[in-house]
N, C-alpha and C. Protein backbone atom coordinates (compact mmCIF):
# COMPACT_ATOMS: atom_id res chain seq x y z
N UNK A 1 -18.13 99.82 -127.80
CA UNK A 1 -17.73 100.50 -126.57
C UNK A 1 -16.94 99.39 -125.76
N UNK A 2 -15.90 99.62 -125.32
CA UNK A 2 -15.27 98.87 -124.38
C UNK A 2 -15.26 99.63 -122.98
N UNK A 3 -15.30 98.91 -121.76
CA UNK A 3 -15.25 99.47 -120.49
C UNK A 3 -14.13 98.84 -119.52
N UNK A 4 -13.19 99.62 -118.85
CA UNK A 4 -12.24 99.02 -118.08
C UNK A 4 -12.28 99.48 -116.79
N UNK A 5 -12.12 98.89 -115.60
CA UNK A 5 -12.06 99.31 -114.32
C UNK A 5 -11.03 100.47 -114.07
N UNK A 6 -11.04 101.51 -113.48
CA UNK A 6 -10.28 102.65 -113.13
C UNK A 6 -9.73 102.31 -111.80
N UNK A 7 -8.68 101.89 -111.39
CA UNK A 7 -7.92 101.20 -110.34
C UNK A 7 -7.14 102.31 -109.52
N UNK A 8 -6.61 103.45 -110.19
CA UNK A 8 -5.97 104.58 -109.55
C UNK A 8 -5.95 105.80 -110.43
N UNK A 9 -6.19 106.87 -109.76
CA UNK A 9 -6.00 108.23 -110.56
C UNK A 9 -5.04 109.15 -110.00
N UNK A 10 -3.85 109.63 -110.83
CA UNK A 10 -3.17 110.71 -110.51
C UNK A 10 -3.32 111.89 -111.12
N UNK A 11 -3.40 113.31 -110.64
CA UNK A 11 -3.38 114.30 -111.41
C UNK A 11 -2.08 114.89 -111.30
N UNK A 12 -1.72 115.25 -112.28
CA UNK A 12 -0.29 115.93 -112.85
C UNK A 12 -0.37 117.13 -112.69
N UNK A 13 0.20 118.13 -111.77
CA UNK A 13 0.22 119.44 -111.68
C UNK A 13 1.77 119.83 -111.76
N UNK A 14 1.99 120.62 -112.75
CA UNK A 14 3.54 120.95 -113.10
C UNK A 14 4.45 119.80 -112.89
N UNK A 15 5.42 119.62 -111.92
CA UNK A 15 6.18 118.53 -111.74
C UNK A 15 5.67 117.63 -110.59
N UNK A 16 4.65 117.66 -110.06
CA UNK A 16 4.15 117.08 -109.00
C UNK A 16 2.80 116.11 -109.34
N UNK A 17 2.60 115.02 -108.49
CA UNK A 17 1.60 114.08 -108.92
C UNK A 17 0.73 114.22 -107.57
N UNK A 18 -0.67 114.23 -107.69
CA UNK A 18 -1.73 114.30 -106.61
C UNK A 18 -2.50 113.01 -106.76
N UNK A 19 -2.19 112.13 -105.71
CA UNK A 19 -3.01 110.83 -105.81
C UNK A 19 -4.37 111.20 -105.34
N UNK A 20 -5.36 110.82 -106.12
CA UNK A 20 -6.78 110.95 -105.82
C UNK A 20 -7.29 109.45 -105.36
N UNK A 21 -7.77 109.43 -104.17
CA UNK A 21 -8.36 108.23 -103.69
C UNK A 21 -9.79 108.08 -104.29
N UNK A 22 -10.15 106.88 -104.68
CA UNK A 22 -11.09 106.56 -105.53
C UNK A 22 -11.99 105.64 -104.89
N UNK A 23 -13.27 105.98 -104.88
CA UNK A 23 -14.45 105.19 -104.46
C UNK A 23 -14.77 104.12 -105.37
N UNK A 24 -14.76 104.61 -106.83
CA UNK A 24 -15.21 103.68 -107.87
C UNK A 24 -14.59 104.41 -109.08
N UNK A 25 -14.59 103.76 -110.40
CA UNK A 25 -14.42 104.54 -111.77
C UNK A 25 -14.16 103.50 -112.84
N UNK A 26 -14.54 104.14 -114.00
CA UNK A 26 -14.36 103.39 -115.33
C UNK A 26 -13.75 104.24 -116.31
N UNK A 27 -13.01 103.50 -117.29
CA UNK A 27 -12.58 104.03 -118.58
C UNK A 27 -13.24 103.41 -119.67
N UNK A 28 -13.80 104.26 -120.41
CA UNK A 28 -14.56 103.95 -121.55
C UNK A 28 -14.02 104.13 -122.65
N UNK A 29 -13.54 103.32 -123.67
CA UNK A 29 -12.98 103.49 -124.91
C UNK A 29 -14.49 103.48 -125.75
N UNK A 30 -14.77 104.82 -126.12
CA UNK A 30 -15.92 105.02 -127.06
C UNK A 30 -15.77 104.45 -128.55
N UNK A 31 -14.74 104.35 -128.78
CA UNK A 31 -14.50 103.36 -130.33
C UNK A 31 -15.26 104.25 -131.34
N UNK A 32 -15.17 105.51 -131.35
CA UNK A 32 -15.81 106.42 -132.29
C UNK A 32 -14.80 106.76 -133.27
N UNK A 33 -15.17 107.79 -134.29
CA UNK A 33 -14.15 107.92 -135.38
C UNK A 33 -13.20 108.94 -135.13
N UNK A 34 -13.36 109.63 -133.72
CA UNK A 34 -12.31 110.55 -133.23
C UNK A 34 -11.39 109.63 -132.21
N UNK A 35 -11.85 108.40 -131.80
CA UNK A 35 -10.91 107.81 -130.92
C UNK A 35 -10.71 108.24 -129.50
N UNK A 36 -12.03 108.69 -128.83
CA UNK A 36 -12.10 109.34 -127.86
C UNK A 36 -12.19 108.36 -126.77
N UNK A 37 -11.67 108.86 -125.28
CA UNK A 37 -11.74 107.78 -124.18
C UNK A 37 -12.64 108.69 -123.07
N UNK A 38 -13.01 108.03 -122.42
CA UNK A 38 -13.73 109.10 -121.28
C UNK A 38 -13.50 108.22 -119.72
N UNK A 39 -13.01 109.14 -118.73
CA UNK A 39 -12.79 108.60 -117.63
C UNK A 39 -13.86 109.10 -116.54
N UNK A 40 -14.27 108.02 -115.97
CA UNK A 40 -15.34 108.44 -114.90
C UNK A 40 -15.09 107.91 -113.44
N UNK A 41 -14.76 108.78 -112.70
CA UNK A 41 -14.08 108.54 -111.25
C UNK A 41 -15.18 109.14 -110.40
N UNK A 42 -15.28 108.28 -109.38
CA UNK A 42 -16.00 108.47 -108.04
C UNK A 42 -15.09 108.72 -107.07
N UNK A 43 -15.07 110.05 -106.43
CA UNK A 43 -14.39 110.28 -105.03
C UNK A 43 -15.27 110.80 -103.98
N UNK A 44 -14.63 111.07 -103.10
CA UNK A 44 -14.92 111.63 -101.62
C UNK A 44 -15.57 112.89 -102.02
N UNK A 45 -16.45 113.24 -101.32
CA UNK A 45 -16.92 115.09 -101.69
C UNK A 45 -16.07 115.80 -101.00
N UNK A 46 -14.89 115.52 -100.33
CA UNK A 46 -14.11 116.42 -99.76
C UNK A 46 -13.25 116.75 -100.66
N UNK A 47 -13.00 116.24 -101.82
CA UNK A 47 -12.23 116.86 -103.06
C UNK A 47 -12.92 117.79 -104.04
N UNK A 48 -14.38 118.06 -103.89
CA UNK A 48 -14.97 118.90 -104.62
C UNK A 48 -14.23 120.31 -105.04
N UNK A 49 -13.93 120.67 -103.82
CA UNK A 49 -13.29 121.97 -103.96
C UNK A 49 -11.94 122.07 -104.76
N UNK A 50 -11.07 120.75 -104.59
CA UNK A 50 -9.89 120.65 -105.31
C UNK A 50 -10.28 120.59 -106.84
N UNK A 51 -11.15 119.56 -107.45
CA UNK A 51 -11.43 119.77 -108.87
C UNK A 51 -12.11 120.89 -109.16
N UNK A 52 -12.85 121.60 -108.36
CA UNK A 52 -13.81 122.90 -109.13
C UNK A 52 -12.63 123.81 -109.19
N UNK A 53 -11.47 124.02 -108.56
CA UNK A 53 -10.68 125.09 -108.82
C UNK A 53 -9.91 124.58 -110.20
N UNK A 54 -9.44 123.31 -110.28
CA UNK A 54 -8.90 122.99 -111.43
C UNK A 54 -9.92 123.25 -112.79
N UNK A 55 -11.04 123.12 -112.43
CA UNK A 55 -12.11 123.47 -113.65
C UNK A 55 -12.16 124.72 -113.76
N UNK A 56 -12.05 125.70 -112.84
CA UNK A 56 -11.85 127.27 -112.92
C UNK A 56 -10.83 127.75 -113.74
N UNK A 57 -9.85 126.83 -113.49
CA UNK A 57 -8.52 127.31 -114.39
C UNK A 57 -8.50 127.33 -115.86
N UNK A 58 -9.38 126.43 -116.32
CA UNK A 58 -9.60 126.10 -117.72
C UNK A 58 -10.13 127.40 -118.37
């Protein structure tokens, strides 16, 4: 497994980009047979409702 520092995060919605201010974050290359990656982003709690709304749309 390889890890990388996540320096910035933008969420793309339709034709707009929402910049997400990060406290900290990592990108993990799991190097498994499915070539999966994992993003771990730490943000302020004020963004909870924003990400919860995105989650509920799924």
